[in-house]
Amino acid sequence: MVRRQVAAILPYMTSDPVAEGMGYRPVPADSLPLVGANDHHGKGYSALRHQHVGLTAGAKTGRIIRDLIDRKRPNTDLAAFDPLKHAAR
């Protein structure tokens, strides 16, 4: 559906063939996405593992990452989504 809509809006765009597949999709044990800084210095950020809601959650996640990069405090508590909660201890 998305490919058809993009083709209707941007008919001049081309892409390589797409191989669709179902398979193992690694997610954290709590099934929550990882959104936030990858270190305590804010040198890199993650916004991944949204499972099957990535398309709909992407806009909000993008705004959150933008705010983090701009050093603005997001209006959402990100503790549950902290990429560092899964880092080696």
PDB file of N, CA and C in Angstrom:
ATOM      1  N   MET A   1       0.821  -1.175   0.000  1.00  0.00           N
ATOM      2  CA  MET A   1       0.000   0.000   0.000  1.00  0.00           C
ATOM      3  C   MET A   1       0.879   1.260   0.000  1.00  0.00           C
ATOM      4  N   VAL A   2       1.904   1.276   0.845  1.00  0.00           N
ATOM      5  CA  VAL A   2       2.778   2.445   0.914  1.00  0.00           C
ATOM      6  C   VAL A   2       3.492   2.644  -0.411  1.00  0.00           C
ATOM      7  N   ARG A   3       3.984   1.567  -1.012  1.00  0.00           N
ATOM      8  CA  ARG A   3       4.678   1.697  -2.297  1.00  0.00           C
ATOM      9  C   ARG A   3       3.757   2.271  -3.366  1.00  0.00           C
ATOM     10  N   ARG A   4       2.501   1.839  -3.391  1.00  0.00           N
ATOM     11  CA  ARG A   4       1.544   2.374  -4.368  1.00  0.00           C
ATOM     12  C   ARG A   4       1.303   3.860  -4.141  1.00  0.00           C
ATOM     13  N   GLN A   5       1.156   4.261  -2.892  1.00  0.00           N
ATOM     14  CA  GLN A   5       0.903   5.671  -2.596  1.00  0.00           C
ATOM     15  C   GLN A   5       2.115   6.538  -2.950  1.00  0.00           C
ATOM     16  N   VAL A   6       3.307   6.059  -2.652  1.00  0.00           N
ATOM     17  CA  VAL A   6       4.509   6.813  -3.000  1.00  0.00           C
ATOM     18  C   VAL A   6       4.629   6.912  -4.522  1.00  0.00           C
ATOM     19  N   ALA A   7       4.353   5.831  -5.234  1.00  0.00           N
ATOM     20  CA  ALA A   7       4.426   5.849  -6.694  1.00  0.00           C
ATOM     21  C   ALA A   7       3.429   6.848  -7.285  1.00  0.00           C
ATOM     22  N   ALA A   8       2.268   6.990  -6.657  1.00  0.00           N
ATOM     23  CA  ALA A   8       1.275   7.954  -7.139  1.00  0.00           C
ATOM     24  C   ALA A   8       1.727   9.389  -6.900  1.00  0.00           C
ATOM     25  N   ILE A   9       2.407   9.625  -5.809  1.00  0.00           N
ATOM     26  CA  ILE A   9       2.865  10.977  -5.469  1.00  0.00           C
ATOM     27  C   ILE A   9       4.163  11.319  -6.192  1.00  0.00           C
ATOM     28  N   LEU A  10       5.060  10.338  -6.292  1.00  0.00           N
ATOM     29  CA  LEU A  10       6.388  10.549  -6.887  1.00  0.00           C
ATOM     30  C   LEU A  10       6.608   9.545  -8.021  1.00  0.00           C
ATOM     31  N   PRO A  11       5.890   9.702  -9.132  1.00  0.00           N
ATOM     32  CA  PRO A  11       5.966   8.688 -10.201  1.00  0.00           C
ATOM     33  C   PRO A  11       7.341   8.573 -10.849  1.00  0.00           C
ATOM     34  N   TYR A  12       8.182   9.575 -10.743  1.00  0.00           N
ATOM     35  CA  TYR A  12       9.497   9.554 -11.362  1.00  0.00           C
ATOM     36  C   TYR A  12      10.530   8.812 -10.522  1.00  0.00           C
ATOM     37  N   MET A  13      10.199   8.459  -9.286  1.00  0.00           N
ATOM     38  CA  MET A  13      11.128   7.759  -8.400  1.00  0.00           C
ATOM     39  C   MET A  13      11.212   6.288  -8.791  1.00  0.00           C
ATOM     40  N   THR A  14      12.393   5.736  -8.674  1.00  0.00           N
ATOM     41  CA  THR A  14      12.580   4.310  -8.916  1.00  0.00           C
ATOM     42  C   THR A  14      13.288   3.704  -7.707  1.00  0.00           C
ATOM     43  N   SER A  15      13.226   2.414  -7.619  1.00  0.00           N
ATOM     44  CA  SER A  15      13.901   1.724  -6.524  1.00  0.00           C
ATOM     45  C   SER A  15      14.318   0.343  -6.983  1.00  0.00           C
ATOM     46  N   ASP A  16      15.190  -0.234  -6.224  1.00  0.00           N
ATOM     47  CA  ASP A  16      15.600  -1.600  -6.489  1.00  0.00           C
ATOM     48  C   ASP A  16      14.448  -2.537  -6.122  1.00  0.00           C
ATOM     49  N   PRO A  17      14.436  -3.721  -6.707  1.00  0.00           N
ATOM     50  CA  PRO A  17      13.398  -4.687  -6.330  1.00  0.00           C
ATOM     51  C   PRO A  17      13.444  -4.962  -4.826  1.00  0.00           C
ATOM     52  N   VAL A  18      12.282  -5.218  -4.270  1.00  0.00           N
ATOM     53  CA  VAL A  18      12.178  -5.453  -2.838  1.00  0.00           C
ATOM     54  C   VAL A  18      11.867  -6.923  -2.594  1.00  0.00           C
ATOM     55  N   ALA A  19      12.635  -7.532  -1.726  1.00  0.00           N
ATOM     56  CA  ALA A  19      12.360  -8.908  -1.312  1.00  0.00           C
ATOM     57  C   ALA A  19      11.679  -8.846   0.047  1.00  0.00           C
ATOM     58  N   GLU A  20      10.438  -9.254   0.077  1.00  0.00           N
ATOM     59  CA  GLU A  20       9.700  -9.225   1.330  1.00  0.00           C
ATOM     60  C   GLU A  20       9.865 -10.552   2.046  1.00  0.00           C
ATOM     61  N   GLY A  21      10.026 -10.473   3.316  1.00  0.00           N
ATOM     62  CA  GLY A  21      10.202 -11.701   4.068  1.00  0.00           C
ATOM     63  C   GLY A  21       9.698 -11.568   5.491  1.00  0.00           C
ATOM     64  N   MET A  22       9.385 -12.661   6.037  1.00  0.00           N
ATOM     65  CA  MET A  22       8.989 -12.719   7.436  1.00  0.00           C
ATOM     66  C   MET A  22      10.052 -13.548   8.133  1.00  0.00           C
ATOM     67  N   GLY A  23      10.386 -13.162   9.290  1.00  0.00           N
ATOM     68  CA  GLY A  23      11.403 -13.911   9.988  1.00  0.00           C
ATOM     69  C   GLY A  23      11.661 -13.319  11.350  1.00  0.00           C
ATOM     70  N   TYR A  24      12.734 -13.743  11.924  1.00  0.00           N
ATOM     71  CA  TYR A  24      13.111 -13.315  13.255  1.00  0.00           C
ATOM     72  C   TYR A  24      13.357 -11.811  13.279  1.00  0.00           C
ATOM     73  N   ARG A  25      12.682 -11.127  14.174  1.00  0.00           N
ATOM     74  CA  ARG A  25      12.884  -9.697  14.368  1.00  0.00           C
ATOM     75  C   ARG A  25      13.244  -9.485  15.828  1.00  0.00           C
ATOM     76  N   PRO A  26      14.511  -9.264  16.113  1.00  0.00           N
ATOM     77  CA  PRO A  26      14.921  -9.144  17.509  1.00  0.00           C
ATOM     78  C   PRO A  26      14.324  -7.914  18.181  1.00  0.00           C
ATOM     79  N   VAL A  27      13.780  -8.124  19.358  1.00  0.00           N
ATOM     80  CA  VAL A  27      13.230  -7.037  20.161  1.00  0.00           C
ATOM     81  C   VAL A  27      13.685  -7.237  21.598  1.00  0.00           C
ATOM     82  N   PRO A  28      13.715  -6.165  22.375  1.00  0.00           N
ATOM     83  CA  PRO A  28      14.043  -6.330  23.795  1.00  0.00           C
ATOM     84  C   PRO A  28      13.017  -7.237  24.485  1.00  0.00           C
ATOM     85  N   ALA A  29      13.396  -7.809  25.592  1.00  0.00           N
ATOM     86  CA  ALA A  29      12.518  -8.734  26.312  1.00  0.00           C
ATOM     87  C   ALA A  29      11.190  -8.090  26.684  1.00  0.00           C
ATOM     88  N   ASP A  30      11.190  -6.779  26.930  1.00  0.00           N
ATOM     89  CA  ASP A  30       9.941  -6.110  27.317  1.00  0.00           C
ATOM     90  C   ASP A  30       9.134  -5.644  26.106  1.00  0.00           C
ATOM     91  N   SER A  31       9.618  -5.896  24.903  1.00  0.00           N
ATOM     92  CA  SER A  31       8.949  -5.554  23.637  1.00  0.00           C
ATOM     93  C   SER A  31       8.802  -4.062  23.386  1.00  0.00           C
ATOM     94  N   LEU A  32       9.457  -3.217  24.160  1.00  0.00           N
ATOM     95  CA  LEU A  32       9.379  -1.774  23.949  1.00  0.00           C
ATOM     96  C   LEU A  32      10.471  -1.338  22.978  1.00  0.00           C
ATOM     97  N   PRO A  33      10.216  -0.302  22.189  1.00  0.00           N
ATOM     98  CA  PRO A  33      11.263   0.206  21.311  1.00  0.00           C
ATOM     99  C   PRO A  33      12.393   0.845  22.106  1.00  0.00           C
ATOM    100  N   LEU A  34      13.510   1.051  21.452  1.00  0.00           N
ATOM    101  CA  LEU A  34      14.648   1.732  22.064  1.00  0.00           C
ATOM    102  C   LEU A  34      14.731   3.119  21.449  1.00  0.00           C
ATOM    103  N   VAL A  35      14.559   4.141  22.280  1.00  0.00           N
ATOM    104  CA  VAL A  35      14.542   5.521  21.815  1.00  0.00           C
ATOM    105  C   VAL A  35      15.336   6.356  22.805  1.00  0.00           C
ATOM    106  N   GLY A  36      16.432   6.958  22.348  1.00  0.00           N
ATOM    107  CA  GLY A  36      17.207   7.812  23.225  1.00  0.00           C
ATOM    108  C   GLY A  36      18.684   7.771  22.918  1.00  0.00           C
ATOM    109  N   ALA A  37      19.450   8.355  23.828  1.00  0.00           N
ATOM    110  CA  ALA A  37      20.898   8.447  23.659  1.00  0.00           C
ATOM    111  C   ALA A  37      21.556   7.085  23.850  1.00  0.00           C
ATOM    112  N   ASN A  38      22.576   6.822  23.041  1.00  0.00           N
ATOM    113  CA  ASN A  38      23.324   5.566  23.139  1.00  0.00           C
ATOM    114  C   ASN A  38      24.420   5.613  24.182  1.00  0.00           C
ATOM    115  N   ASP A  39      24.704   6.801  24.686  1.00  0.00           N
ATOM    116  CA  ASP A  39      25.712   6.952  25.727  1.00  0.00           C
ATOM    117  C   ASP A  39      25.318   8.120  26.621  1.00  0.00           C
ATOM    118  N   HIS A  40      26.077   8.351  27.632  1.00  0.00           N
ATOM    119  CA  HIS A  40      25.742   9.420  28.571  1.00  0.00           C
ATOM    120  C   HIS A  40      26.195  10.795  28.080  1.00  0.00           C
ATOM    121  N   HIS A  41      26.801  10.846  26.895  1.00  0.00           N
ATOM    122  CA  HIS A  41      27.303  12.106  26.352  1.00  0.00           C
ATOM    123  C   HIS A  41      26.439  12.633  25.214  1.00  0.00           C
ATOM    124  N   GLY A  42      25.433  11.874  24.808  1.00  0.00           N
ATOM    125  CA  GLY A  42      24.568  12.305  23.717  1.00  0.00           C
ATOM    126  C   GLY A  42      25.258  12.387  22.369  1.00  0.00           C
ATOM    127  N   LYS A  43      26.214  11.493  22.129  1.00  0.00           N
ATOM    128  CA  LYS A  43      26.947  11.509  20.860  1.00  0.00           C
ATOM    129  C   LYS A  43      26.277  10.660  19.783  1.00  0.00           C
ATOM    130  N   GLY A  44      25.334   9.865  20.146  1.00  0.00           N
ATOM    131  CA  GLY A  44      24.613   9.031  19.195  1.00  0.00           C
ATOM    132  C   GLY A  44      23.258   8.671  19.769  1.00  0.00           C
ATOM    133  N   TYR A  45      22.304   8.422  18.891  1.00  0.00           N
ATOM    134  CA  TYR A  45      20.937   8.153  19.344  1.00  0.00           C
ATOM    135  C   TYR A  45      20.373   6.937  18.619  1.00  0.00           C
ATOM    136  N   SER A  46      19.484   6.242  19.293  1.00  0.00           N
ATOM    137  CA  SER A  46      18.777   5.115  18.702  1.00  0.00           C
ATOM    138  C   SER A  46      17.299   5.434  18.622  1.00  0.00           C
ATOM    139  N   ALA A  47      16.683   4.934  17.585  1.00  0.00           N
ATOM    140  CA  ALA A  47      15.235   5.023  17.416  1.00  0.00           C
ATOM    141  C   ALA A  47      14.848   3.779  16.622  1.00  0.00           C
ATOM    142  N   LEU A  48      14.719   2.659  17.318  1.00  0.00           N
ATOM    143  CA  LEU A  48      14.537   1.401  16.613  1.00  0.00           C
ATOM    144  C   LEU A  48      13.697   0.408  17.402  1.00  0.00           C
ATOM    145  N   ARG A  49      13.410  -0.686  16.728  1.00  0.00           N
ATOM    146  CA  ARG A  49      12.667  -1.826  17.278  1.00  0.00           C
ATOM    147  C   ARG A  49      11.236  -1.475  17.660  1.00  0.00           C
ATOM    148  N   HIS A  50      10.573  -0.779  16.768  1.00  0.00           N
ATOM    149  CA  HIS A  50       9.173  -0.420  16.987  1.00  0.00           C
ATOM    150  C   HIS A  50       8.227  -1.557  16.591  1.00  0.00           C
ATOM    151  N   GLN A  51       8.780  -2.673  16.203  1.00  0.00           N
ATOM    152  CA  GLN A  51       8.017  -3.829  15.761  1.00  0.00           C
ATOM    153  C   GLN A  51       7.094  -3.449  14.615  1.00  0.00           C
ATOM    154  N   HIS A  52       5.816  -3.733  14.719  1.00  0.00           N
ATOM    155  CA  HIS A  52       4.882  -3.514  13.616  1.00  0.00           C
ATOM    156  C   HIS A  52       4.225  -2.138  13.645  1.00  0.00           C
ATOM    157  N   VAL A  53       4.642  -1.265  14.544  1.00  0.00           N
ATOM    158  CA  VAL A  53       4.047   0.075  14.598  1.00  0.00           C
ATOM    159  C   VAL A  53       5.053   1.160  14.225  1.00  0.00           C
ATOM    160  N   GLY A  54       6.150   0.779  13.597  1.00  0.00           N
ATOM    161  CA  GLY A  54       7.176   1.739  13.239  1.00  0.00           C
ATOM    162  C   GLY A  54       6.690   2.826  12.301  1.00  0.00           C
ATOM    163  N   LEU A  55       5.832   2.471  11.361  1.00  0.00           N
ATOM    164  CA  LEU A  55       5.337   3.453  10.410  1.00  0.00           C
ATOM    165  C   LEU A  55       4.498   4.516  11.110  1.00  0.00           C
ATOM    166  N   THR A  56       3.688   4.103  12.056  1.00  0.00           N
ATOM    167  CA  THR A  56       2.829   5.067  12.749  1.00  0.00           C
ATOM    168  C   THR A  56       3.545   5.759  13.900  1.00  0.00           C
ATOM    169  N   ALA A  57       4.516   5.102  14.511  1.00  0.00           N
ATOM    170  CA  ALA A  57       5.238   5.700  15.637  1.00  0.00           C
ATOM    171  C   ALA A  57       6.419   6.545  15.175  1.00  0.00           C
ATOM    172  N   GLY A  58       6.776   6.437  13.914  1.00  0.00           N
ATOM    173  CA  GLY A  58       7.961   7.110  13.408  1.00  0.00           C
ATOM    174  C   GLY A  58       7.952   8.617  13.559  1.00  0.00           C
ATOM    175  N   ALA A  59       6.823   9.249  13.324  1.00  0.00           N
ATOM    176  CA  ALA A  59       6.766  10.712  13.401  1.00  0.00           C
ATOM    177  C   ALA A  59       7.040  11.203  14.820  1.00  0.00           C
ATOM    178  N   LYS A  60       6.396  10.597  15.796  1.00  0.00           N
ATOM    179  CA  LYS A  60       6.613  10.998  17.187  1.00  0.00           C
ATOM    180  C   LYS A  60       8.043  10.683  17.615  1.00  0.00           C
ATOM    181  N   THR A  61       8.534   9.520  17.234  1.00  0.00           N
ATOM    182  CA  THR A  61       9.906   9.153  17.573  1.00  0.00           C
ATOM    183  C   THR A  61      10.894  10.135  16.950  1.00  0.00           C
ATOM    184  N   GLY A  62      10.650  10.532  15.721  1.00  0.00           N
ATOM    185  CA  GLY A  62      11.513  11.506  15.062  1.00  0.00           C
ATOM    186  C   GLY A  62      11.541  12.837  15.796  1.00  0.00           C
ATOM    187  N   ARG A  63      10.383  13.283  16.276  1.00  0.00           N
ATOM    188  CA  ARG A  63      10.338  14.538  17.037  1.00  0.00           C
ATOM    189  C   ARG A  63      11.106  14.406  18.343  1.00  0.00           C
ATOM    190  N   ILE A  64      10.988  13.251  18.989  1.00  0.00           N
ATOM    191  CA  ILE A  64      11.709  13.027  20.247  1.00  0.00           C
ATOM    192  C   ILE A  64      13.214  13.067  19.998  1.00  0.00           C
ATOM    193  N   ILE A  65      13.683  12.374  18.965  1.00  0.00           N
ATOM    194  CA  ILE A  65      15.118  12.367  18.651  1.00  0.00           C
ATOM    195  C   ILE A  65      15.589  13.772  18.293  1.00  0.00           C
ATOM    196  N   ARG A  66      14.790  14.507  17.521  1.00  0.00           N
ATOM    197  CA  ARG A  66      15.144  15.889  17.195  1.00  0.00           C
ATOM    198  C   ARG A  66      15.335  16.712  18.465  1.00  0.00           C
ATOM    199  N   ASP A  67      14.392  16.581  19.404  1.00  0.00           N
ATOM    200  CA  ASP A  67      14.497  17.327  20.662  1.00  0.00           C
ATOM    201  C   ASP A  67      15.750  16.931  21.438  1.00  0.00           C
ATOM    202  N   LEU A  68      16.058  15.650  21.469  1.00  0.00           N
ATOM    203  CA  LEU A  68      17.260  15.204  22.181  1.00  0.00           C
ATOM    204  C   LEU A  68      18.519  15.788  21.543  1.00  0.00           C
ATOM    205  N   ILE A  69      18.578  15.776  20.230  1.00  0.00           N
ATOM    206  CA  ILE A  69      19.742  16.333  19.534  1.00  0.00           C
ATOM    207  C   ILE A  69      19.860  17.825  19.813  1.00  0.00           C
ATOM    208  N   ASP A  70      18.717  18.520  19.851  1.00  0.00           N
ATOM    209  CA  ASP A  70      18.702  19.961  20.122  1.00  0.00           C
ATOM    210  C   ASP A  70      18.835  20.282  21.610  1.00  0.00           C
ATOM    211  N   ARG A  71      19.041  19.238  22.422  1.00  0.00           N
ATOM    212  CA  ARG A  71      19.190  19.393  23.873  1.00  0.00           C
ATOM    213  C   ARG A  71      17.926  19.949  24.542  1.00  0.00           C
ATOM    214  N   LYS A  72      16.764  19.643  23.948  1.00  0.00           N
ATOM    215  CA  LYS A  72      15.485  20.026  24.540  1.00  0.00           C
ATOM    216  C   LYS A  72      14.926  18.811  25.270  1.00  0.00           C
ATOM    217  N   ARG A  73      14.278  19.049  26.364  1.00  0.00           N
ATOM    218  CA  ARG A  73      13.701  17.962  27.146  1.00  0.00           C
ATOM    219  C   ARG A  73      12.385  17.512  26.497  1.00  0.00           C
ATOM    220  N   PRO A  74      12.294  16.250  26.058  1.00  0.00           N
ATOM    221  CA  PRO A  74      11.036  15.766  25.465  1.00  0.00           C
ATOM    222  C   PRO A  74       9.903  15.802  26.486  1.00  0.00           C
ATOM    223  N   ASN A  75       8.679  15.914  25.999  1.00  0.00           N
ATOM    224  CA  ASN A  75       7.535  15.944  26.896  1.00  0.00           C
ATOM    225  C   ASN A  75       7.048  14.537  27.254  1.00  0.00           C
ATOM    226  N   THR A  76       7.907  13.565  27.068  1.00  0.00           N
ATOM    227  CA  THR A  76       7.597  12.159  27.342  1.00  0.00           C
ATOM    228  C   THR A  76       8.703  11.569  28.208  1.00  0.00           C
ATOM    229  N   ASP A  77       8.323  10.783  29.188  1.00  0.00           N
ATOM    230  CA  ASP A  77       9.317  10.089  30.013  1.00  0.00           C
ATOM    231  C   ASP A  77       9.889   8.935  29.193  1.00  0.00           C
ATOM    232  N   LEU A  78      11.165   8.999  28.887  1.00  0.00           N
ATOM    233  CA  LEU A  78      11.798   7.998  28.034  1.00  0.00           C
ATOM    234  C   LEU A  78      12.477   6.872  28.801  1.00  0.00           C
ATOM    235  N   ALA A  79      12.337   6.827  30.101  1.00  0.00           N
ATOM    236  CA  ALA A  79      13.055   5.834  30.908  1.00  0.00           C
ATOM    237  C   ALA A  79      12.810   4.403  30.421  1.00  0.00           C
ATOM    238  N   ALA A  80      11.587   4.074  30.081  1.00  0.00           N
ATOM    239  CA  ALA A  80      11.268   2.709  29.651  1.00  0.00           C
ATOM    240  C   ALA A  80      11.863   2.370  28.289  1.00  0.00           C
ATOM    241  N   PHE A  81      12.220   3.406  27.504  1.00  0.00           N
ATOM    242  CA  PHE A  81      12.723   3.198  26.148  1.00  0.00           C
ATOM    243  C   PHE A  81      14.236   3.401  26.030  1.00  0.00           C
ATOM    244  N   ASP A  82      14.903   3.608  27.146  1.00  0.00           N
ATOM    245  CA  ASP A  82      16.331   3.943  27.182  1.00  0.00           C
ATOM    246  C   ASP A  82      17.189   2.832  26.586  1.00  0.00           C
ATOM    247  N   PRO A  83      17.930   3.118  25.493  1.00  0.00           N
ATOM    248  CA  PRO A  83      18.812   2.096  24.913  1.00  0.00           C
ATOM    249  C   PRO A  83      19.861   1.587  25.892  1.00  0.00           C
ATOM    250  N   LEU A  84      20.239   2.404  26.852  1.00  0.00           N
ATOM    251  CA  LEU A  84      21.278   1.992  27.808  1.00  0.00           C
ATOM    252  C   LEU A  84      20.778   0.957  28.809  1.00  0.00           C
ATOM    253  N   LYS A  85      19.474   0.763  28.909  1.00  0.00           N
ATOM    254  CA  LYS A  85      18.977  -0.241  29.853  1.00  0.00           C
ATOM    255  C   LYS A  85      19.370  -1.650  29.412  1.00  0.00           C
ATOM    256  N   HIS A  86      19.743  -1.790  28.142  1.00  0.00           N
ATOM    257  CA  HIS A  86      20.137  -3.092  27.617  1.00  0.00           C
ATOM    258  C   HIS A  86      21.644  -3.203  27.424  1.00  0.00           C
ATOM    259  N   ALA A  87      22.358  -2.154  27.762  1.00  0.00           N
ATOM    260  CA  ALA A  87      23.819  -2.163  27.590  1.00  0.00           C
ATOM    261  C   ALA A  87      24.451  -3.129  28.588  1.00  0.00           C
ATOM    262  N   ALA A  88      25.579  -3.633  28.198  1.00  0.00           N
ATOM    263  CA  ALA A  88      26.306  -4.538  29.098  1.00  0.00           C
ATOM    264  C   ALA A  88      26.629  -3.810  30.397  1.00  0.00           C
ATOM    265  N   ARG A  89      26.392  -4.460  31.476  1.00  0.00           N
ATOM    266  CA  ARG A  89      26.608  -3.829  32.783  1.00  0.00           C
ATOM    267  C   ARG A  89      27.917  -4.271  33.360  1.00  0.00           C
TER     268      ARG A  89
END
